[in-house]
Protein backbone atom coordinates (compact mmCIF):
# COMPACT_ATOMS: atom_id res chain seq x y z
CA UNK A 1 -0.08 0.17 -0.06
CA UNK A 2 2.90 2.43 0.74
CA UNK A 3 4.66 1.92 -2.52
CA UNK A 4 1.24 2.16 -4.48
CA UNK A 5 1.00 5.79 -2.96
CA UNK A 6 4.54 6.81 -3.32
CA UNK A 7 4.24 6.51 -7.20
CA UNK A 8 1.53 9.21 -7.69
CA UNK A 9 3.24 11.33 -5.15
CA UNK A 10 6.43 11.00 -7.20
CA UNK A 11 4.85 11.49 -10.41
CA UNK A 12 3.10 14.58 -9.15
CA UNK A 13 6.40 15.90 -8.11
CA UNK A 14 8.19 15.45 -11.44
CA UNK A 15 5.16 16.98 -13.25
CA UNK A 16 5.58 19.90 -10.96
CA UNK A 17 9.06 20.30 -11.34
CA UNK A 18 8.75 19.97 -15.16
CA UNK A 19 6.07 22.47 -15.38
CA UNK A 20 8.45 24.86 -13.53
CA UNK A 21 11.09 24.46 -15.79
CA UNK A 22 9.06 25.00 -18.82
CA UNK A 23 7.45 28.29 -17.23
CA UNK A 24 10.96 29.34 -16.40
CA UNK A 25 12.08 28.70 -20.12
CA UNK A 26 9.13 30.65 -21.70
CA UNK A 27 9.90 33.52 -19.39
CA UNK A 28 13.46 33.43 -20.29
CA UNK A 29 12.65 33.32 -23.82
CA UNK A 30 10.08 36.40 -23.67
CA UNK A 31 12.90 38.37 -21.71
CA UNK A 32 15.40 37.82 -24.30
CA UNK A 33 13.08 38.65 -26.96
CA UNK A 34 11.27 41.72 -25.74
CA UNK A 35 13.51 43.09 -23.03
CA UNK A 36 16.51 43.17 -25.09
CA UNK A 37 17.85 46.77 -25.47
CA UNK A 38 18.41 47.91 -29.26
CA UNK A 39 21.97 48.21 -30.51
CA UNK A 40 22.62 51.91 -30.67
CA UNK A 41 24.78 53.45 -33.24
CA UNK A 42 26.77 56.52 -32.68
CA UNK A 43 25.51 59.68 -34.52
CA UNK A 44 28.01 60.83 -37.27
CA UNK A 45 28.82 64.55 -36.65
CA UNK A 46 27.92 65.37 -40.00
CA UNK A 47 24.44 64.72 -39.58
CA UNK A 48 24.32 66.66 -36.57
CA UNK A 49 25.77 69.73 -37.82
CA UNK A 50 23.71 72.44 -38.88
CA UNK A 51 24.65 74.61 -41.96
CA UNK A 52 25.26 78.22 -41.19
CA UNK A 53 23.75 81.00 -43.31
CA UNK A 54 25.83 82.79 -45.68
CA UNK A 55 25.06 86.09 -44.43
CA UNK A 56 24.29 87.01 -40.70
CA UNK A 57 20.48 87.23 -40.17
CA UNK A 58 18.35 88.87 -37.44
CA UNK A 59 14.68 88.21 -36.75
CA UNK A 60 12.59 91.52 -36.25
CA UNK A 61 9.28 91.02 -34.75
CA UNK A 62 6.53 93.37 -34.90
CA UNK A 63 5.60 94.95 -31.42
CA UNK A 64 2.06 95.61 -30.60
CA UNK A 65 1.29 97.86 -27.31
CA UNK A 66 -1.61 96.15 -25.82
CA UNK A 67 -2.15 98.36 -22.94
CA UNK A 68 -3.25 101.96 -22.32
CA UNK A 69 0.26 102.89 -21.41
CA UNK A 70 1.94 105.36 -24.13
């Protein structure tokens, strides 16, 4: 009677262990696929530099006095 009861308990423990390993393997796979940081390439200086204008320029904005002060 003891041996008959031990077999299902052993099978249940084995099933739990295999299930736990499977869950950990799937979680690791998801982590590797979705949580991986993208490879970042450094920006080239040529793309970051804005061209300077040929002649100097100044922006002049109109001023509107919206108060009653002169």
